[in-house]
């Protein structure tokens, strides 16, 4: 039900989108995102990384292992991701990657494009 309602919103008009109660929608969807994160990271041996909503502005994450990390809402503005491994990270978005600094050695999930400034 939640998924259908959320995807329905994405197909609506701009006017309908402007009327969405974002706080209510977030309250509704957040338990699904948390459970997804738990399930994905449960199969990861060792310490799992949860960077949900983390303030990583300007952080030095050069060469960091961020595989299977939950990165929803993390702020990557000016974050150094050169040589970092982000393959398998969950909830990482193109705008987050675009806001960071990286290089050819950084590994991204296949669904994301390497920014031109990397």
C-alpha atoms as a PDB file:
ATOM      1  CA  UNK A   1       0.000   0.000   0.000  1.00  0.00           C
ATOM      2  CA  UNK A   2       2.707   2.509   0.986  1.00  0.00           C
ATOM      3  CA  UNK A   3       4.736   1.714  -2.102  1.00  0.00           C
ATOM      4  CA  UNK A   4       1.754   2.146  -4.428  1.00  0.00           C
ATOM      5  CA  UNK A   5       0.857   5.456  -2.851  1.00  0.00           C
ATOM      6  CA  UNK A   6       4.448   6.720  -3.081  1.00  0.00           C
ATOM      7  CA  UNK A   7       4.874   5.719  -6.704  1.00  0.00           C
ATOM      8  CA  UNK A   8       1.476   7.229  -7.486  1.00  0.00           C
ATOM      9  CA  UNK A   9       2.730  10.573  -6.196  1.00  0.00           C
ATOM     10  CA  UNK A  10       5.640  10.464  -8.636  1.00  0.00           C
ATOM     11  CA  UNK A  11       3.213  10.126 -11.531  1.00  0.00           C
ATOM     12  CA  UNK A  12       1.082  13.084 -10.501  1.00  0.00           C
ATOM     13  CA  UNK A  13       1.098  16.623 -11.787  1.00  0.00           C
ATOM     14  CA  UNK A  14       3.350  19.351 -10.435  1.00  0.00           C
ATOM     15  CA  UNK A  15       0.335  20.850  -8.698  1.00  0.00           C
ATOM     16  CA  UNK A  16      -0.497  17.551  -6.993  1.00  0.00           C
ATOM     17  CA  UNK A  17       3.125  17.135  -5.953  1.00  0.00           C
ATOM     18  CA  UNK A  18       3.161  20.608  -4.404  1.00  0.00           C
ATOM     19  CA  UNK A  19       0.193  19.577  -2.244  1.00  0.00           C
ATOM     20  CA  UNK A  20       1.905  16.491  -0.763  1.00  0.00           C
ATOM     21  CA  UNK A  21       2.348  16.489   3.008  1.00  0.00           C
ATOM     22  CA  UNK A  22       6.034  15.557   2.918  1.00  0.00           C
ATOM     23  CA  UNK A  23       6.342  15.057   6.681  1.00  0.00           C
ATOM     24  CA  UNK A  24       3.412  12.616   6.698  1.00  0.00           C
ATOM     25  CA  UNK A  25       4.756  10.776   3.668  1.00  0.00           C
ATOM     26  CA  UNK A  26       8.174  10.477   5.296  1.00  0.00           C
ATOM     27  CA  UNK A  27       6.602   9.081   8.486  1.00  0.00           C
ATOM     28  CA  UNK A  28       4.772   6.543   6.354  1.00  0.00           C
ATOM     29  CA  UNK A  29       7.713   5.458   4.198  1.00  0.00           C
ATOM     30  CA  UNK A  30      10.531   5.646   6.744  1.00  0.00           C
ATOM     31  CA  UNK A  31       9.770   2.268   8.404  1.00  0.00           C
ATOM     32  CA  UNK A  32      10.070   0.590   4.977  1.00  0.00           C
ATOM     33  CA  UNK A  33      13.409   2.262   4.315  1.00  0.00           C
ATOM     34  CA  UNK A  34      14.727   1.314   7.758  1.00  0.00           C
ATOM     35  CA  UNK A  35      13.668  -2.303   7.318  1.00  0.00           C
ATOM     36  CA  UNK A  36      15.234  -2.445   3.849  1.00  0.00           C
ATOM     37  CA  UNK A  37      18.480  -1.099   5.271  1.00  0.00           C
ATOM     38  CA  UNK A  38      18.456  -3.669   8.084  1.00  0.00           C
ATOM     39  CA  UNK A  39      17.809  -6.547   5.682  1.00  0.00           C
ATOM     40  CA  UNK A  40      20.521  -5.500   3.231  1.00  0.00           C
ATOM     41  CA  UNK A  41      23.128  -4.918   5.921  1.00  0.00           C
ATOM     42  CA  UNK A  42      22.231  -8.087   7.870  1.00  0.00           C
ATOM     43  CA  UNK A  43      24.108 -10.181   5.322  1.00  0.00           C
ATOM     44  CA  UNK A  44      27.270  -8.096   5.616  1.00  0.00           C
ATOM     45  CA  UNK A  45      29.945  -9.672   7.805  1.00  0.00           C
ATOM     46  CA  UNK A  46      31.612  -7.485  10.411  1.00  0.00           C
ATOM     47  CA  UNK A  47      30.601  -3.978  11.307  1.00  0.00           C
ATOM     48  CA  UNK A  48      27.827  -2.524   9.166  1.00  0.00           C
ATOM     49  CA  UNK A  49      27.837   1.156   8.340  1.00  0.00           C
ATOM     50  CA  UNK A  50      24.827   3.331   8.926  1.00  0.00           C
ATOM     51  CA  UNK A  51      25.398   6.881   7.728  1.00  0.00           C
ATOM     52  CA  UNK A  52      21.710   7.788   7.461  1.00  0.00           C
ATOM     53  CA  UNK A  53      21.419  11.564   7.448  1.00  0.00           C
ATOM     54  CA  UNK A  54      25.094  11.990   8.372  1.00  0.00           C
ATOM     55  CA  UNK A  55      26.704  15.408   8.040  1.00  0.00           C
ATOM     56  CA  UNK A  56      29.708  14.473   5.931  1.00  0.00           C
ATOM     57  CA  UNK A  57      30.311  17.953   4.525  1.00  0.00           C
ATOM     58  CA  UNK A  58      34.008  18.203   3.706  1.00  0.00           C
ATOM     59  CA  UNK A  59      34.756  14.804   5.262  1.00  0.00           C
ATOM     60  CA  UNK A  60      37.943  13.026   4.236  1.00  0.00           C
ATOM     61  CA  UNK A  61      36.713   9.628   3.074  1.00  0.00           C
ATOM     62  CA  UNK A  62      39.510   9.014   0.603  1.00  0.00           C
ATOM     63  CA  UNK A  63      39.834   5.262   0.037  1.00  0.00           C
ATOM     64  CA  UNK A  64      36.960   4.498   2.431  1.00  0.00           C
ATOM     65  CA  UNK A  65      35.135   1.189   2.242  1.00  0.00           C
ATOM     66  CA  UNK A  66      31.484   2.232   2.008  1.00  0.00           C
ATOM     67  CA  UNK A  67      30.248  -0.996   0.437  1.00  0.00           C
ATOM     68  CA  UNK A  68      26.790  -1.894   1.762  1.00  0.00           C
ATOM     69  CA  UNK A  69      26.623   1.380   3.727  1.00  0.00           C
ATOM     70  CA  UNK A  70      23.237   3.026   4.236  1.00  0.00           C
ATOM     71  CA  UNK A  71      23.709   6.548   2.865  1.00  0.00           C
ATOM     72  CA  UNK A  72      20.148   7.857   2.752  1.00  0.00           C
ATOM     73  CA  UNK A  73      20.131  11.574   3.382  1.00  0.00           C
ATOM     74  CA  UNK A  74      23.888  11.802   3.996  1.00  0.00           C
ATOM     75  CA  UNK A  75      25.291  15.197   3.013  1.00  0.00           C
ATOM     76  CA  UNK A  76      28.298  14.685   0.730  1.00  0.00           C
ATOM     77  CA  UNK A  77      28.934  18.313  -0.192  1.00  0.00           C
ATOM     78  CA  UNK A  78      32.691  18.714  -0.777  1.00  0.00           C
ATOM     79  CA  UNK A  79      33.341  15.241   0.693  1.00  0.00           C
ATOM     80  CA  UNK A  80      36.554  13.621  -0.552  1.00  0.00           C
ATOM     81  CA  UNK A  81      35.528  10.271  -2.050  1.00  0.00           C
ATOM     82  CA  UNK A  82      38.695   9.760  -4.111  1.00  0.00           C
ATOM     83  CA  UNK A  83      39.423   6.042  -4.270  1.00  0.00           C
ATOM     84  CA  UNK A  84      36.397   5.189  -2.092  1.00  0.00           C
ATOM     85  CA  UNK A  85      34.371   2.051  -2.760  1.00  0.00           C
ATOM     86  CA  UNK A  86      30.651   2.825  -2.815  1.00  0.00           C
ATOM     87  CA  UNK A  87      29.575  -0.323  -4.668  1.00  0.00           C
ATOM     88  CA  UNK A  88      26.598  -1.929  -3.029  1.00  0.00           C
ATOM     89  CA  UNK A  89      25.855   1.132  -0.910  1.00  0.00           C
ATOM     90  CA  UNK A  90      22.145   1.657  -0.464  1.00  0.00           C
ATOM     91  CA  UNK A  91      20.067   4.778  -0.973  1.00  0.00           C
ATOM     92  CA  UNK A  92      22.983   6.684  -2.541  1.00  0.00           C
ATOM     93  CA  UNK A  93      21.721   9.209  -5.092  1.00  0.00           C
ATOM     94  CA  UNK A  94      23.245  10.967  -8.071  1.00  0.00           C
ATOM     95  CA  UNK A  95      22.928  14.410  -6.413  1.00  0.00           C
ATOM     96  CA  UNK A  96      24.933  13.140  -3.425  1.00  0.00           C
ATOM     97  CA  UNK A  97      27.683  11.871  -5.728  1.00  0.00           C
ATOM     98  CA  UNK A  98      27.615  15.076  -7.770  1.00  0.00           C
ATOM     99  CA  UNK A  99      28.187  17.151  -4.623  1.00  0.00           C
ATOM    100  CA  UNK A 100      31.319  15.206  -3.664  1.00  0.00           C
ATOM    101  CA  UNK A 101      34.904  15.198  -4.889  1.00  0.00           C
ATOM    102  CA  UNK A 102      36.098  11.984  -6.488  1.00  0.00           C
ATOM    103  CA  UNK A 103      38.402  10.481  -9.057  1.00  0.00           C
ATOM    104  CA  UNK A 104      38.684   7.636 -11.551  1.00  0.00           C
ATOM    105  CA  UNK A 105      39.648   5.239  -8.754  1.00  0.00           C
ATOM    106  CA  UNK A 106      36.375   5.739  -6.851  1.00  0.00           C
ATOM    107  CA  UNK A 107      33.948   2.851  -7.344  1.00  0.00           C
ATOM    108  CA  UNK A 108      30.280   3.736  -7.784  1.00  0.00           C
ATOM    109  CA  UNK A 109      27.158   1.577  -7.909  1.00  0.00           C
ATOM    110  CA  UNK A 110      26.307   0.715 -11.543  1.00  0.00           C
ATOM    111  CA  UNK A 111      23.131   2.831 -11.511  1.00  0.00           C
ATOM    112  CA  UNK A 112      25.088   6.048 -10.840  1.00  0.00           C
ATOM    113  CA  UNK A 113      27.223   8.034 -13.266  1.00  0.00           C
ATOM    114  CA  UNK A 114      30.671   9.355 -12.539  1.00  0.00           C
ATOM    115  CA  UNK A 115      30.411  13.170 -12.435  1.00  0.00           C
ATOM    116  CA  UNK A 116      32.360  15.048 -15.093  1.00  0.00           C
ATOM    117  CA  UNK A 117      34.303  16.976 -12.416  1.00  0.00           C
ATOM    118  CA  UNK A 118      35.774  13.719 -11.100  1.00  0.00           C
END
